[in-house]
């Protein structure tokens, strides 16, 4: 199932938004992010959806 996992920095570059906006959208639940060892991660497939 090759699901690509991205950092919030990578998501910011991918969506062409600032990291601050990315963190805010993650906190609001608008970007489906999850925490792994203190670092936020996002599945690329979910960002594309």
PDB file of N, CA and C in Angstrom:
ATOM      1  N   UNK A   1       0.833  -1.192   0.000  1.00  0.00           N
ATOM      2  CA  UNK A   1       0.000   0.000   0.000  1.00  0.00           C
ATOM      3  C   UNK A   1       0.871   1.247   0.000  1.00  0.00           C
ATOM      4  N   UNK A   2       2.071   1.398  -0.171  1.00  0.00           N
ATOM      5  CA  UNK A   2       2.951   2.551  -0.332  1.00  0.00           C
ATOM      6  C   UNK A   2       2.428   3.916   0.076  1.00  0.00           C
ATOM      7  N   UNK A   3       2.057   4.105   1.319  1.00  0.00           N
ATOM      8  CA  UNK A   3       1.597   5.400   1.790  1.00  0.00           C
ATOM      9  C   UNK A   3       2.800   6.260   2.156  1.00  0.00           C
ATOM     10  N   UNK A   4       2.901   7.414   1.500  1.00  0.00           N
ATOM     11  CA  UNK A   4       4.004   8.326   1.791  1.00  0.00           C
ATOM     12  C   UNK A   4       3.661   9.190   3.001  1.00  0.00           C
ATOM     13  N   UNK A   5       4.594   9.274   3.950  1.00  0.00           N
ATOM     14  CA  UNK A   5       4.418  10.091   5.146  1.00  0.00           C
ATOM     15  C   UNK A   5       5.271  11.346   4.989  1.00  0.00           C
ATOM     16  N   UNK A   6       4.686  12.513   5.257  1.00  0.00           N
ATOM     17  CA  UNK A   6       5.375  13.789   5.099  1.00  0.00           C
ATOM     18  C   UNK A   6       5.465  14.519   6.434  1.00  0.00           C
ATOM     19  N   UNK A   7       6.513  15.312   6.598  1.00  0.00           N
ATOM     20  CA  UNK A   7       6.613  16.197   7.757  1.00  0.00           C
ATOM     21  C   UNK A   7       5.777  17.437   7.469  1.00  0.00           C
ATOM     22  N   UNK A   8       5.508  18.231   8.500  1.00  0.00           N
ATOM     23  CA  UNK A   8       4.751  19.460   8.265  1.00  0.00           C
ATOM     24  C   UNK A   8       5.533  20.430   7.377  1.00  0.00           C
ATOM     25  N   UNK A   9       6.848  20.403   7.468  1.00  0.00           N
ATOM     26  CA  UNK A   9       7.667  21.251   6.588  1.00  0.00           C
ATOM     27  C   UNK A   9       7.473  20.845   5.123  1.00  0.00           C
ATOM     28  N   UNK A  10       7.439  19.552   4.871  1.00  0.00           N
ATOM     29  CA  UNK A  10       7.228  19.054   3.505  1.00  0.00           C
ATOM     30  C   UNK A  10       5.816  19.389   3.019  1.00  0.00           C
ATOM     31  N   UNK A  11       4.841  19.280   3.905  1.00  0.00           N
ATOM     32  CA  UNK A  11       3.459  19.630   3.549  1.00  0.00           C
ATOM     33  C   UNK A  11       3.370  21.118   3.219  1.00  0.00           C
ATOM     34  N   UNK A  12       4.055  21.948   3.987  1.00  0.00           N
ATOM     35  CA  UNK A  12       4.053  23.387   3.736  1.00  0.00           C
ATOM     36  C   UNK A  12       4.588  23.692   2.341  1.00  0.00           C
ATOM     37  N   UNK A  13       5.684  23.061   1.973  1.00  0.00           N
ATOM     38  CA  UNK A  13       6.259  23.262   0.647  1.00  0.00           C
ATOM     39  C   UNK A  13       5.321  22.724  -0.434  1.00  0.00           C
ATOM     40  N   UNK A  14       4.731  21.567  -0.175  1.00  0.00           N
ATOM     41  CA  UNK A  14       3.826  20.925  -1.133  1.00  0.00           C
ATOM     42  C   UNK A  14       2.591  21.789  -1.398  1.00  0.00           C
ATOM     43  N   UNK A  15       2.023  22.371  -0.331  1.00  0.00           N
ATOM     44  CA  UNK A  15       0.813  23.192  -0.461  1.00  0.00           C
ATOM     45  C   UNK A  15       1.122  24.667  -0.710  1.00  0.00           C
ATOM     46  N   UNK A  16       2.409  25.022  -0.649  1.00  0.00           N
ATOM     47  CA  UNK A  16       2.864  26.405  -0.829  1.00  0.00           C
ATOM     48  C   UNK A  16       2.217  27.341   0.193  1.00  0.00           C
ATOM     49  N   UNK A  17       2.301  26.917   1.460  1.00  0.00           N
ATOM     50  CA  UNK A  17       1.832  27.732   2.582  1.00  0.00           C
ATOM     51  C   UNK A  17       2.969  27.829   3.588  1.00  0.00           C
ATOM     52  N   UNK A  18       2.865  28.763   4.532  1.00  0.00           N
ATOM     53  CA  UNK A  18       3.909  28.884   5.550  1.00  0.00           C
ATOM     54  C   UNK A  18       3.769  27.754   6.568  1.00  0.00           C
ATOM     55  N   UNK A  19       4.858  27.461   7.244  1.00  0.00           N
ATOM     56  CA  UNK A  19       4.817  26.421   8.280  1.00  0.00           C
ATOM     57  C   UNK A  19       3.868  26.821   9.406  1.00  0.00           C
ATOM     58  N   UNK A  20       3.816  28.094   9.728  1.00  0.00           N
ATOM     59  CA  UNK A  20       2.918  28.571  10.785  1.00  0.00           C
ATOM     60  C   UNK A  20       1.463  28.255  10.423  1.00  0.00           C
ATOM     61  N   UNK A  21       1.099  28.503   9.166  1.00  0.00           N
ATOM     62  CA  UNK A  21      -0.255  28.200   8.711  1.00  0.00           C
ATOM     63  C   UNK A  21      -0.504  26.700   8.760  1.00  0.00           C
ATOM     64  N   UNK A  22       0.497  25.930   8.366  1.00  0.00           N
ATOM     65  CA  UNK A  22       0.389  24.479   8.379  1.00  0.00           C
ATOM     66  C   UNK A  22       0.132  23.955   9.799  1.00  0.00           C
ATOM     67  N   UNK A  23       0.880  24.453  10.774  1.00  0.00           N
ATOM     68  CA  UNK A  23       0.674  24.038  12.172  1.00  0.00           C
ATOM     69  C   UNK A  23      -0.726  24.430  12.658  1.00  0.00           C
ATOM     70  N   UNK A  24      -1.181  25.627  12.276  1.00  0.00           N
ATOM     71  CA  UNK A  24      -2.511  26.084  12.689  1.00  0.00           C
ATOM     72  C   UNK A  24      -3.593  25.183  12.091  1.00  0.00           C
ATOM     73  N   UNK A  25      -3.480  24.872  10.798  1.00  0.00           N
ATOM     74  CA  UNK A  25      -4.465  24.005  10.154  1.00  0.00           C
ATOM     75  C   UNK A  25      -4.456  22.603  10.754  1.00  0.00           C
ATOM     76  N   UNK A  26      -3.282  22.125  11.128  1.00  0.00           N
ATOM     77  CA  UNK A  26      -3.191  20.818  11.793  1.00  0.00           C
ATOM     78  C   UNK A  26      -3.862  20.834  13.150  1.00  0.00           C
ATOM     79  N   UNK A  27      -3.639  21.915  13.903  1.00  0.00           N
ATOM     80  CA  UNK A  27      -4.240  22.046  15.233  1.00  0.00           C
ATOM     81  C   UNK A  27      -5.762  22.153  15.145  1.00  0.00           C
ATOM     82  N   UNK A  28      -6.259  22.775  14.069  1.00  0.00           N
ATOM     83  CA  UNK A  28      -7.704  22.922  13.881  1.00  0.00           C
ATOM     84  C   UNK A  28      -8.342  21.666  13.291  1.00  0.00           C
ATOM     85  N   UNK A  29      -7.514  20.706  12.915  1.00  0.00           N
ATOM     86  CA  UNK A  29      -8.035  19.469  12.338  1.00  0.00           C
ATOM     87  C   UNK A  29      -8.335  19.565  10.856  1.00  0.00           C
ATOM     88  N   UNK A  30      -7.940  20.644  10.215  1.00  0.00           N
ATOM     89  CA  UNK A  30      -8.201  20.810   8.784  1.00  0.00           C
ATOM     90  C   UNK A  30      -7.184  20.062   7.932  1.00  0.00           C
ATOM     91  N   UNK A  31      -6.026  19.770   8.507  1.00  0.00           N
ATOM     92  CA  UNK A  31      -5.041  18.894   7.881  1.00  0.00           C
ATOM     93  C   UNK A  31      -4.930  17.683   8.796  1.00  0.00           C
ATOM     94  N   UNK A  32      -5.176  16.487   8.267  1.00  0.00           N
ATOM     95  CA  UNK A  32      -5.166  15.283   9.104  1.00  0.00           C
ATOM     96  C   UNK A  32      -3.752  14.879   9.514  1.00  0.00           C
ATOM     97  N   UNK A  33      -3.260  15.430  10.604  1.00  0.00           N
ATOM     98  CA  UNK A  33      -1.893  15.168  11.076  1.00  0.00           C
ATOM     99  C   UNK A  33      -1.927  14.265  12.303  1.00  0.00           C
ATOM    100  N   UNK A  34      -0.832  13.545  12.517  1.00  0.00           N
ATOM    101  CA  UNK A  34      -0.698  12.718  13.712  1.00  0.00           C
ATOM    102  C   UNK A  34       0.708  12.897  14.269  1.00  0.00           C
ATOM    103  N   UNK A  35       0.843  12.652  15.556  1.00  0.00           N
ATOM    104  CA  UNK A  35       2.091  12.896  16.255  1.00  0.00           C
ATOM    105  C   UNK A  35       2.873  11.592  16.432  1.00  0.00           C
ATOM    106  N   UNK A  36       4.152  11.626  16.025  1.00  0.00           N
ATOM    107  CA  UNK A  36       5.031  10.462  16.169  1.00  0.00           C
ATOM    108  C   UNK A  36       6.276  10.927  16.903  1.00  0.00           C
ATOM    109  N   UNK A  37       6.421  10.519  18.141  1.00  0.00           N
ATOM    110  CA  UNK A  37       7.602  10.868  18.918  1.00  0.00           C
ATOM    111  C   UNK A  37       7.845  12.358  19.042  1.00  0.00           C
ATOM    112  N   UNK A  38       6.801  13.133  19.167  1.00  0.00           N
ATOM    113  CA  UNK A  38       6.931  14.578  19.330  1.00  0.00           C
ATOM    114  C   UNK A  38       7.000  15.349  18.022  1.00  0.00           C
ATOM    115  N   UNK A  39       6.924  14.672  16.887  1.00  0.00           N
ATOM    116  CA  UNK A  39       6.967  15.335  15.579  1.00  0.00           C
ATOM    117  C   UNK A  39       5.677  15.025  14.819  1.00  0.00           C
ATOM    118  N   UNK A  40       5.114  16.034  14.188  1.00  0.00           N
ATOM    119  CA  UNK A  40       3.873  15.870  13.447  1.00  0.00           C
ATOM    120  C   UNK A  40       4.148  15.287  12.075  1.00  0.00           C
ATOM    121  N   UNK A  41       3.299  14.363  11.652  1.00  0.00           N
ATOM    122  CA  UNK A  41       3.401  13.722  10.353  1.00  0.00           C
ATOM    123  C   UNK A  41       2.031  13.728   9.683  1.00  0.00           C
ATOM    124  N   UNK A  42       2.052  13.676   8.350  1.00  0.00           N
ATOM    125  CA  UNK A  42       0.814  13.712   7.564  1.00  0.00           C
ATOM    126  C   UNK A  42       0.959  12.701   6.429  1.00  0.00           C
ATOM    127  N   UNK A  43      -0.097  11.978   6.152  1.00  0.00           N
ATOM    128  CA  UNK A  43      -0.097  11.074   4.999  1.00  0.00           C
ATOM    129  C   UNK A  43      -0.399  11.883   3.739  1.00  0.00           C
ATOM    130  N   UNK A  44       0.455  11.762   2.742  1.00  0.00           N
ATOM    131  CA  UNK A  44       0.298  12.529   1.496  1.00  0.00           C
ATOM    132  C   UNK A  44      -1.058  12.250   0.845  1.00  0.00           C
ATOM    133  N   UNK A  45      -1.482  11.001   0.893  1.00  0.00           N
ATOM    134  CA  UNK A  45      -2.758  10.610   0.328  1.00  0.00           C
ATOM    135  C   UNK A  45      -3.915  11.424   0.936  1.00  0.00           C
ATOM    136  N   UNK A  46      -3.852  11.685   2.242  1.00  0.00           N
ATOM    137  CA  UNK A  46      -4.909  12.447   2.907  1.00  0.00           C
ATOM    138  C   UNK A  46      -4.851  13.923   2.542  1.00  0.00           C
ATOM    139  N   UNK A  47      -3.643  14.458   2.313  1.00  0.00           N
ATOM    140  CA  UNK A  47      -3.510  15.855   1.881  1.00  0.00           C
ATOM    141  C   UNK A  47      -4.098  16.012   0.489  1.00  0.00           C
ATOM    142  N   UNK A  48      -3.817  15.055  -0.387  1.00  0.00           N
ATOM    143  CA  UNK A  48      -4.340  15.111  -1.754  1.00  0.00           C
ATOM    144  C   UNK A  48      -5.858  15.029  -1.783  1.00  0.00           C
ATOM    145  N   UNK A  49      -6.427  14.291  -0.823  1.00  0.00           N
ATOM    146  CA  UNK A  49      -7.880  14.140  -0.787  1.00  0.00           C
ATOM    147  C   UNK A  49      -8.499  15.443  -0.345  1.00  0.00           C
TER     148      UNK A  49
END
